[in-house]
Every structure is written in C-alpha cells, then in structure tokens.
N, C-alpha and C. Protein backbone atom coordinates (compact mmCIF):
# COMPACT_ATOMS: atom_id res chain seq x y z
N MET A 1 7.69 6.78 6.52
CA MET A 1 6.77 7.14 6.26
C MET A 1 5.64 5.42 6.67
N LYS A 2 6.10 4.53 5.68
CA LYS A 2 5.62 3.29 5.66
C LYS A 2 5.52 2.70 7.02
N LEU A 3 6.63 3.00 7.37
CA LEU A 3 6.42 2.14 8.94
C LEU A 3 5.47 2.12 9.54
N ARG A 4 5.44 3.85 9.78
CA ARG A 4 4.81 4.69 11.14
C ARG A 4 3.36 4.31 10.20
N ALA A 5 3.43 3.52 9.32
CA ALA A 5 2.10 3.60 8.85
C ALA A 5 1.36 2.20 8.48
N ALA A 6 1.90 1.67 8.89
CA ALA A 6 1.75 0.07 8.88
C ALA A 6 1.59 -0.26 11.09
N ARG A 7 2.11 0.96 11.52
CA ARG A 7 2.83 0.30 13.21
C ARG A 7 1.03 1.25 12.95
N LYS A 8 0.58 1.71 12.53
CA LYS A 8 -0.50 2.45 12.91
C LYS A 8 -1.84 1.50 12.51
N ALA A 9 -2.07 1.11 11.40
CA ALA A 9 -2.36 -0.15 11.32
C ALA A 9 -3.28 -1.17 11.88
N PHE A 10 -1.84 -1.69 12.62
CA PHE A 10 -1.70 -2.95 13.17
C PHE A 10 -1.89 -2.65 14.71
N ALA A 11 -1.83 -1.04 15.14
CA ALA A 11 -2.21 -0.75 16.31
C ALA A 11 -3.51 -1.16 16.37
N ALA A 12 -4.64 -0.67 15.49
CA ALA A 12 -5.68 -0.64 15.04
C ALA A 12 -5.89 -2.25 16.33
N TYR A 13 -5.97 -3.03 15.56
CA TYR A 13 -6.21 -4.25 15.43
C TYR A 13 -5.65 -5.06 16.88
N PHE A 14 -4.33 -5.01 17.12
CA PHE A 14 -3.67 -5.50 18.11
C PHE A 14 -3.66 -4.40 19.13
N ARG A 15 -3.37 -5.02 20.46
CA ARG A 15 -2.75 -4.67 21.62
C ARG A 15 -1.32 -4.43 21.66
N LYS A 16 -0.89 -5.52 21.27
CA LYS A 16 0.65 -5.34 22.00
C LYS A 16 1.45 -5.62 20.25
N THR A 17 2.35 -5.19 19.85
CA THR A 17 2.63 -5.21 18.05
C THR A 17 3.51 -4.80 18.17
N ARG A 18 4.60 -4.75 17.31
CA ARG A 18 6.18 -5.28 16.91
C ARG A 18 6.56 -4.75 15.38
N VAL A 19 6.28 -3.93 14.75
CA VAL A 19 6.42 -3.55 13.71
C VAL A 19 8.11 -3.40 13.48
N VAL A 20 8.52 -3.54 12.71
CA VAL A 20 10.19 -4.07 12.32
C VAL A 20 10.29 -3.35 10.39
N GLY A 21 11.11 -2.30 9.79
CA GLY A 21 11.34 -2.70 8.65
C GLY A 21 11.73 -3.71 8.50
N VAL A 22 11.31 -4.04 6.70
CA VAL A 22 12.93 -4.95 6.53
C VAL A 22 13.00 -4.69 4.60
N ALA A 23 13.76 -4.00 4.33
CA ALA A 23 14.24 -3.39 3.10
C ALA A 23 14.42 -5.15 1.96
N VAL A 24 13.18 -4.80 1.24
CA VAL A 24 13.71 -5.70 0.15
C VAL A 24 12.87 -5.22 -1.37
N PRO A 25 13.41 -5.72 -2.48
CA PRO A 25 12.77 -5.52 -3.05
C PRO A 25 11.86 -5.77 -3.76
N SER A 26 10.86 -4.87 -4.62
CA SER A 26 9.51 -5.44 -5.04
C SER A 26 9.26 -5.63 -6.00
N GLY A 27 10.54 -6.64 -6.53
CA GLY A 27 10.05 -6.88 -8.53
C GLY A 27 9.91 -6.19 -9.54
N VAL A 28 9.01 -5.04 -8.55
CA VAL A 28 8.93 -4.55 -10.03
C VAL A 28 9.51 -3.03 -10.43
N SER A 29 9.62 -2.18 -11.24
CA SER A 29 10.15 -0.72 -11.47
C SER A 29 9.51 0.32 -10.30
N PRO A 30 10.58 0.78 -10.22
CA PRO A 30 10.35 2.12 -9.47
C PRO A 30 9.48 2.90 -9.09
N GLN A 31 8.73 3.14 -10.28
CA GLN A 31 7.17 3.48 -10.71
C GLN A 31 6.16 2.74 -11.67
N PRO A 32 5.72 1.94 -10.78
CA PRO A 32 4.80 1.05 -11.56
C PRO A 32 3.47 1.68 -11.98
N GLY A 33 3.34 1.17 -13.24
CA GLY A 33 1.96 1.92 -14.45
C GLY A 33 1.26 1.21 -14.87
N SER A 34 1.15 -0.03 -13.93
CA SER A 34 -0.25 -0.80 -14.16
C SER A 34 -0.58 -0.78 -12.04
N LEU A 35 -1.83 -1.44 -12.69
CA LEU A 35 -2.61 -2.29 -11.08
C LEU A 35 -2.42 -2.92 -11.50
N GLY A 36 -2.14 -4.17 -12.15
CA GLY A 36 -1.40 -5.85 -12.28
C GLY A 36 0.09 -5.04 -11.27
N GLU A 37 0.63 -4.57 -12.22
CA GLU A 37 2.51 -3.88 -11.47
C GLU A 37 2.21 -3.84 -10.21
N ILE A 38 1.54 -3.65 -9.45
CA ILE A 38 1.42 -2.15 -8.25
C ILE A 38 1.32 -3.76 -7.43
N VAL A 39 0.04 -4.01 -7.67
CA VAL A 39 -0.10 -5.63 -6.80
C VAL A 39 0.60 -6.45 -6.48
N ARG A 40 1.57 -6.42 -7.97
CA ARG A 40 2.61 -7.77 -8.19
C ARG A 40 3.61 -6.86 -6.77
N GLY A 41 3.91 -5.77 -7.15
CA GLY A 41 4.85 -5.51 -6.09
C GLY A 41 4.29 -5.00 -4.45
N ALA A 42 3.10 -5.02 -3.83
CA ALA A 42 3.00 -5.65 -2.74
C ALA A 42 3.08 -6.55 -2.94
N ARG A 43 3.08 -8.10 -3.32
CA ARG A 43 3.37 -9.34 -2.79
C ARG A 43 4.21 -9.97 -2.70
N GLY A 44 4.93 -9.00 -4.09
CA GLY A 44 7.01 -9.63 -3.45
C GLY A 44 7.10 -8.72 -2.14
N ARG A 45 6.90 -8.04 -2.08
CA ARG A 45 7.84 -7.72 -1.16
C ARG A 45 7.22 -7.69 0.47
N ALA A 46 6.04 -9.04 0.43
CA ALA A 46 5.31 -9.15 1.49
C ALA A 46 6.13 -10.53 1.64
N ARG A 47 6.10 -11.39 0.29
CA ARG A 47 6.48 -12.59 0.97
C ARG A 47 7.94 -12.49 0.59
N ARG A 48 8.45 -11.90 0.43
CA ARG A 48 10.71 -11.40 0.28
C ARG A 48 10.00 -10.76 1.55
N ALA A 49 9.62 -10.38 2.12
CA ALA A 49 9.94 -10.20 3.64
C ALA A 49 9.68 -11.25 5.30
N TYR A 50 9.06 -12.09 4.28
CA TYR A 50 7.92 -12.82 5.75
C TYR A 50 9.58 -13.57 6.12
N ALA A 51 9.93 -13.50 7.19
CA ALA A 51 10.67 -14.60 8.05
C ALA A 51 10.30 -14.51 9.67
N ASP A 52 10.46 -15.26 10.01
CA ASP A 52 10.31 -15.34 11.73
C ASP A 52 8.67 -14.46 12.56
N CYS A 53 8.28 -13.83 12.06
CA CYS A 53 6.99 -13.22 12.05
C CYS A 53 5.54 -13.75 12.01
N ASP A 54 4.88 -12.96 12.40
CA ASP A 54 3.09 -13.33 12.39
C ASP A 54 2.38 -13.07 10.99
N TYR A 55 3.38 -11.55 10.86
CA TYR A 55 2.81 -11.11 9.67
C TYR A 55 3.85 -10.47 8.71
N SER A 56 3.86 -10.02 7.44
CA SER A 56 4.72 -9.74 6.51
C SER A 56 3.76 -8.51 5.88
N VAL A 57 3.98 -7.42 5.41
CA VAL A 57 4.36 -6.48 4.62
C VAL A 57 4.30 -5.73 3.76
N GLY A 58 3.49 -5.86 2.77
CA GLY A 58 4.69 -5.10 1.45
C GLY A 58 3.00 -4.06 0.46
N ILE A 59 3.81 -3.40 0.82
CA ILE A 59 3.41 -1.76 0.74
C ILE A 59 3.57 -1.20 -1.15
N GLU A 60 3.30 -0.99 -1.97
CA GLU A 60 4.03 -0.35 -3.07
C GLU A 60 2.59 0.59 -3.71
N ALA A 61 2.97 1.62 -4.62
CA ALA A 61 2.06 2.21 -4.86
C ALA A 61 2.32 2.39 -6.46
N GLY A 62 1.65 3.11 -6.73
CA GLY A 62 1.75 3.49 -8.55
C GLY A 62 0.54 4.44 -9.00
N VAL A 63 1.34 4.04 -9.87
CA VAL A 63 -0.19 4.90 -11.11
C VAL A 63 -0.12 4.06 -12.33
N PHE A 64 -1.97 4.45 -12.49
CA PHE A 64 -2.33 3.84 -14.29
C PHE A 64 -3.32 4.53 -14.95
N ARG A 65 -3.73 3.69 -15.86
CA ARG A 65 -4.79 4.19 -16.45
C ARG A 65 -5.74 3.77 -16.77
N LEU A 66 -6.98 3.82 -16.42
CA LEU A 66 -8.46 3.34 -17.34
C LEU A 66 -8.96 4.07 -18.19
N ALA A 67 -8.52 3.91 -19.32
CA ALA A 67 -9.09 4.85 -20.28
C ALA A 67 -10.60 5.31 -20.48
N ALA A 68 -11.71 4.16 -20.39
CA ALA A 68 -12.42 3.58 -20.30
C ALA A 68 -13.59 4.60 -18.89
N LEU A 69 -12.60 4.93 -17.60
CA LEU A 69 -13.17 5.85 -17.06
C LEU A 69 -12.99 6.60 -16.45
N SER A 70 -11.66 6.98 -17.61
CA SER A 70 -10.74 8.93 -17.60
C SER A 70 -10.39 9.09 -17.79
N PRO A 71 -9.60 10.22 -18.99
CA PRO A 71 -8.37 10.38 -19.21
C PRO A 71 -7.20 10.49 -18.54
N ARG A 72 -7.09 10.65 -17.44
CA ARG A 72 -6.35 10.73 -16.63
C ARG A 72 -5.46 9.69 -15.59
N PRO A 73 -5.17 10.00 -15.52
CA PRO A 73 -5.05 8.68 -14.73
C PRO A 73 -5.15 7.88 -13.25
N PHE A 74 -5.10 7.53 -12.79
CA PHE A 74 -5.37 6.55 -11.10
C PHE A 74 -4.02 7.06 -10.35
N GLN A 75 -4.02 6.77 -9.44
CA GLN A 75 -3.30 7.14 -7.91
C GLN A 75 -3.44 5.86 -7.13
N ILE A 76 -3.22 4.55 -6.78
CA ILE A 76 -3.23 3.87 -5.93
C ILE A 76 -2.18 3.76 -4.80
N THR A 77 -2.64 3.32 -3.90
CA THR A 77 -1.91 2.28 -2.98
C THR A 77 -2.07 0.90 -2.17
N ILE A 78 -1.72 0.43 -2.70
CA ILE A 78 -1.92 -1.27 -2.13
C ILE A 78 -0.97 -2.15 -1.05
N ALA A 79 -1.58 -2.64 -0.42
CA ALA A 79 -1.20 -3.47 0.41
C ALA A 79 -1.17 -4.82 0.81
N CYS A 80 0.05 -5.88 0.97
CA CYS A 80 -0.18 -7.41 1.14
C CYS A 80 -0.07 -8.03 1.75
N VAL A 81 -1.14 -8.64 3.39
CA VAL A 81 -0.60 -9.44 3.97
C VAL A 81 -0.45 -10.49 3.92
N PHE A 82 0.74 -11.16 4.18
CA PHE A 82 1.36 -11.90 4.13
C PHE A 82 1.68 -13.48 5.84
N ASP A 83 0.80 -14.10 6.03
CA ASP A 83 1.17 -15.58 7.37
C ASP A 83 1.99 -15.89 7.39
N GLY A 84 2.25 -16.57 6.03
CA GLY A 84 3.31 -17.44 5.49
C GLY A 84 2.79 -18.51 5.02
N GLU A 85 0.99 -18.55 4.24
CA GLU A 85 1.11 -19.25 3.85
C GLU A 85 -0.28 -18.58 2.73
N ARG A 86 -0.89 -17.46 3.89
CA ARG A 86 -2.35 -16.88 3.80
C ARG A 86 -2.17 -15.53 3.57
N GLU A 87 -2.44 -14.61 2.27
CA GLU A 87 -2.32 -13.52 2.15
C GLU A 87 -3.62 -12.69 2.08
N ALA A 88 -3.30 -11.31 1.79
CA ALA A 88 -4.69 -10.81 1.96
C ALA A 88 -4.17 -9.08 1.04
N LEU A 89 -4.84 -8.30 0.06
CA LEU A 89 -4.58 -7.26 0.00
C LEU A 89 -5.89 -6.19 0.37
N GLY A 90 -5.37 -4.88 0.29
CA GLY A 90 -6.12 -3.33 0.59
C GLY A 90 -5.68 -2.41 -0.10
N SER A 91 -6.48 -1.43 0.28
CA SER A 91 -5.97 -0.45 -0.68
C SER A 91 -6.04 0.70 0.66
N GLY A 92 -5.43 1.47 -0.70
CA GLY A 92 -5.87 3.16 0.12
C GLY A 92 -7.20 3.55 -0.80
N PRO A 93 -7.41 5.04 -0.78
CA PRO A 93 -8.10 5.51 -1.58
C PRO A 93 -7.35 5.76 -3.26
N PHE A 94 -7.80 5.40 -4.14
CA PHE A 94 -8.09 5.54 -5.66
C PHE A 94 -8.71 6.87 -6.24
N PHE A 95 -7.28 7.83 -6.51
CA PHE A 95 -8.03 8.54 -7.33
C PHE A 95 -7.71 9.20 -8.56
N GLU A 96 -8.37 10.16 -9.19
CA GLU A 96 -7.46 10.55 -10.06
C GLU A 96 -6.29 11.97 -10.26
N ILE A 97 -5.01 11.95 -10.68
CA ILE A 97 -4.13 12.21 -10.32
C ILE A 97 -3.32 12.93 -11.64
N PRO A 98 -3.18 14.07 -11.74
CA PRO A 98 -2.92 15.09 -12.93
C PRO A 98 -1.79 14.08 -13.78
N ASP A 99 -1.83 14.97 -14.43
CA ASP A 99 0.01 14.22 -15.97
C ASP A 99 0.55 14.56 -15.24
N ALA A 100 0.68 16.34 -14.57
CA ALA A 100 1.65 16.71 -14.43
C ALA A 100 2.51 16.56 -12.86
N LEU A 101 1.62 15.95 -12.32
CA LEU A 101 2.46 15.08 -10.87
C LEU A 101 3.02 13.41 -11.43
N VAL A 102 1.85 13.55 -11.99
CA VAL A 102 3.21 12.09 -12.92
C VAL A 102 4.40 12.62 -13.44
N ARG A 103 4.75 12.98 -14.06
CA ARG A 103 5.80 13.09 -14.82
C ARG A 103 6.28 13.59 -14.00
N ARG A 104 6.46 14.30 -12.73
CA ARG A 104 6.89 14.53 -12.12
C ARG A 104 7.66 13.88 -10.84
N VAL A 105 6.97 13.06 -10.31
CA VAL A 105 6.99 11.77 -9.37
C VAL A 105 7.38 12.65 -8.28
N VAL A 106 6.40 12.89 -7.24
CA VAL A 106 6.10 13.22 -5.94
C VAL A 106 7.30 12.48 -5.51
N ARG A 107 8.14 12.61 -4.56
CA ARG A 107 8.76 11.46 -3.05
C ARG A 107 8.78 12.30 -2.13
N SER A 108 8.37 12.66 -1.52
CA SER A 108 8.07 13.42 0.03
C SER A 108 7.16 12.70 0.29
N ASP A 109 7.83 12.75 2.09
CA ASP A 109 6.94 12.43 2.41
C ASP A 109 5.35 12.46 2.67
N GLN A 110 4.73 13.36 2.17
CA GLN A 110 3.16 13.52 2.20
C GLN A 110 2.59 13.13 0.62
N GLY A 111 3.84 13.45 -0.47
CA GLY A 111 2.99 13.01 -1.31
C GLY A 111 2.42 13.26 -2.02
N SER A 112 1.77 12.79 -3.10
CA SER A 112 0.97 13.92 -4.56
C SER A 112 -0.14 13.83 -3.74
N VAL A 113 -0.36 13.19 -3.16
CA VAL A 113 -1.99 13.06 -2.20
C VAL A 113 -2.57 14.18 -1.20
N ALA A 114 -1.52 15.16 -0.59
CA ALA A 114 -1.20 16.14 0.34
C ALA A 114 -1.02 17.59 -0.97
N LEU A 115 -0.52 16.89 -1.93
CA LEU A 115 -0.98 17.73 -2.80
C LEU A 115 -2.16 18.13 -3.72
N VAL A 116 -2.58 17.18 -4.03
CA VAL A 116 -4.13 17.16 -4.67
C VAL A 116 -5.12 17.68 -3.79
N THR A 117 -5.17 17.69 -2.39
CA THR A 117 -6.02 16.91 -1.08
C THR A 117 -6.03 18.74 -0.30
N LYS A 118 -4.56 19.14 -0.82
CA LYS A 118 -4.53 20.75 -0.15
C LYS A 118 -4.02 19.84 1.39
N GLY A 119 -3.43 19.22 1.43
CA GLY A 119 -2.82 18.69 3.23
C GLY A 119 -3.79 17.73 4.00
N LYS A 120 -5.40 17.84 3.47
CA LYS A 120 -6.10 16.97 4.18
C LYS A 120 -6.25 15.58 3.88
N ARG A 121 -5.32 15.32 2.89
CA ARG A 121 -4.24 13.87 3.47
C ARG A 121 -3.59 13.54 3.17
N THR A 122 -2.45 12.83 4.09
CA THR A 122 -1.32 12.33 3.49
C THR A 122 -1.05 11.16 3.30
N ARG A 123 0.13 11.01 2.13
CA ARG A 123 0.11 10.15 2.47
C ARG A 123 0.64 8.92 3.16
N GLU A 124 0.91 9.30 4.49
CA GLU A 124 1.12 7.92 5.51
C GLU A 124 -0.21 8.05 5.78
N ALA A 125 -1.44 8.71 5.77
CA ALA A 125 -2.47 7.81 6.33
C ALA A 125 -3.29 6.96 5.20
N VAL A 126 -2.76 7.31 3.85
CA VAL A 126 -2.96 6.90 2.64
C VAL A 126 -2.90 5.00 2.56
N THR A 127 -1.72 5.43 3.20
CA THR A 127 -0.75 3.87 3.31
C THR A 127 -1.34 2.94 4.53
N ALA A 128 -1.50 3.68 6.12
CA ALA A 128 -2.06 3.26 6.48
C ALA A 128 -3.79 2.73 6.86
N GLU A 129 -4.79 3.32 5.70
CA GLU A 129 -5.83 2.71 5.32
C GLU A 129 -5.47 1.34 4.46
N ALA A 130 -4.71 1.25 3.66
CA ALA A 130 -4.73 0.58 2.49
C ALA A 130 -3.61 -0.98 3.81
N VAL A 131 -3.16 -0.67 4.67
CA VAL A 131 -2.27 -1.18 5.34
C VAL A 131 -3.85 -2.17 6.71
N LEU A 132 -4.22 -0.83 6.55
CA LEU A 132 -5.83 -1.81 8.03
C LEU A 132 -6.66 -2.41 7.45
N MET A 133 -6.24 -1.77 5.82
CA MET A 133 -7.82 -3.14 5.13
C MET A 133 -7.64 -4.16 4.50
N ALA A 134 -5.62 -4.60 4.26
CA ALA A 134 -5.54 -6.05 4.35
C ALA A 134 -5.54 -6.35 4.97
N LEU A 135 -5.24 -6.39 6.88
CA LEU A 135 -5.45 -6.67 8.22
C LEU A 135 -7.26 -7.27 7.81
N ALA A 136 -8.08 -6.87 7.50
CA ALA A 136 -9.30 -6.99 7.97
C ALA A 136 -9.51 -8.77 7.62
N PRO A 137 -9.09 -9.26 6.05
CA PRO A 137 -9.12 -10.59 6.83
C PRO A 137 -8.48 -11.87 7.60
N PHE A 138 -8.28 -10.90 8.05
CA PHE A 138 -7.46 -12.29 9.07
C PHE A 138 -7.82 -11.73 10.23
N VAL A 139 -8.37 -10.61 10.45
CA VAL A 139 -8.73 -9.82 11.94
C VAL A 139 -10.03 -10.75 11.72
N SER A 140 -11.18 -10.78 10.51
CA SER A 140 -12.12 -11.49 10.36
C SER A 140 -12.51 -12.67 9.23
N ALA A 141 -11.33 -13.61 9.82
CA ALA A 141 -10.86 -15.26 8.99
C ALA A 141 -11.76 -15.35 9.03
N ASN A 142 -12.75 -15.67 10.39
CA ASN A 142 -14.12 -16.84 9.62
C ASN A 142 -15.26 -15.74 9.15
N ARG A 143 -15.07 -15.05 8.25
CA ARG A 143 -15.62 -14.39 7.13
C ARG A 143 -15.12 -14.64 5.76
N TYR A 144 -13.94 -14.66 5.95
CA TYR A 144 -12.69 -14.89 4.70
C TYR A 144 -12.19 -16.32 4.64
N PHE A 145 -11.34 -16.69 5.23
CA PHE A 145 -10.53 -17.85 4.97
C PHE A 145 -11.47 -19.26 5.33
C-alpha cells in the first residue's frame, strides 16, 4: 500500500520514476502515540532508506491527542522526503478517530480512514497525499530552499 501510494505521488510530479520499497525500522513504537513520535518515525524511515537514490521516503501513521481541541484522538499520516541533504514533511488529512478504533488498531489496506468515511477515502489515498505534500518543497525548491 505504501509503495503504491508513493508511486502515485511521484508520478504526479515526474514523468519517469522508479520507486522501490525498502524495509527499514522506524525507530518508534509500532503504534506511535504523539505527533512528535509520528514525525520521528517518518524521518527515521526516510533517512535509513536513503542509499543510491535521488529521494527516499519515510511514511508513518499514528494516533495522538490534543486535549485543547477535542476529547477524541486524532489520526494522521506523515511522510518525509529526504534527498541526502534536505528533508521535507507532508501530511495527509488530520481527522478525529473514535476511541473504539484506536483500541482495535485497524491493520487492513483500507485502514480506519475507510471505515470512518464509509469508503470515500482509503489509507492509500491519504498516504499518497502525504507523500505528494512532502515532495512539494523539492519540486518548488526556489520557494523553500
């Protein structure tokens, strides 16, 4: 799922791409519980995956709480793109998730986003959006770097 999502995001910006998957540890818990931990996981994956390539991508999703905003937890997918020197972060939609789903930890290709949107959004689509946004600083480098 993550590989398909990354391919879609790169294809939106580049005509010819070769996207390959590399299994690397995130360096965070299996179900990150804070926004900081989710970002650290994406960064860790991107940096560990970088080898003999133009860009590496790290993707991490997780659930965290912001008590000032809502009593319910939020879910987000973060992507980090790394070019060996610079990195950029992007995210998919940030949304509330019922506590019952957090306890159940959905591990399907559709994920909890498909359940709460009744199939209108998929985990793959949300992940592709995160990668697309993390690539934006590289394709618009004059505005960012």
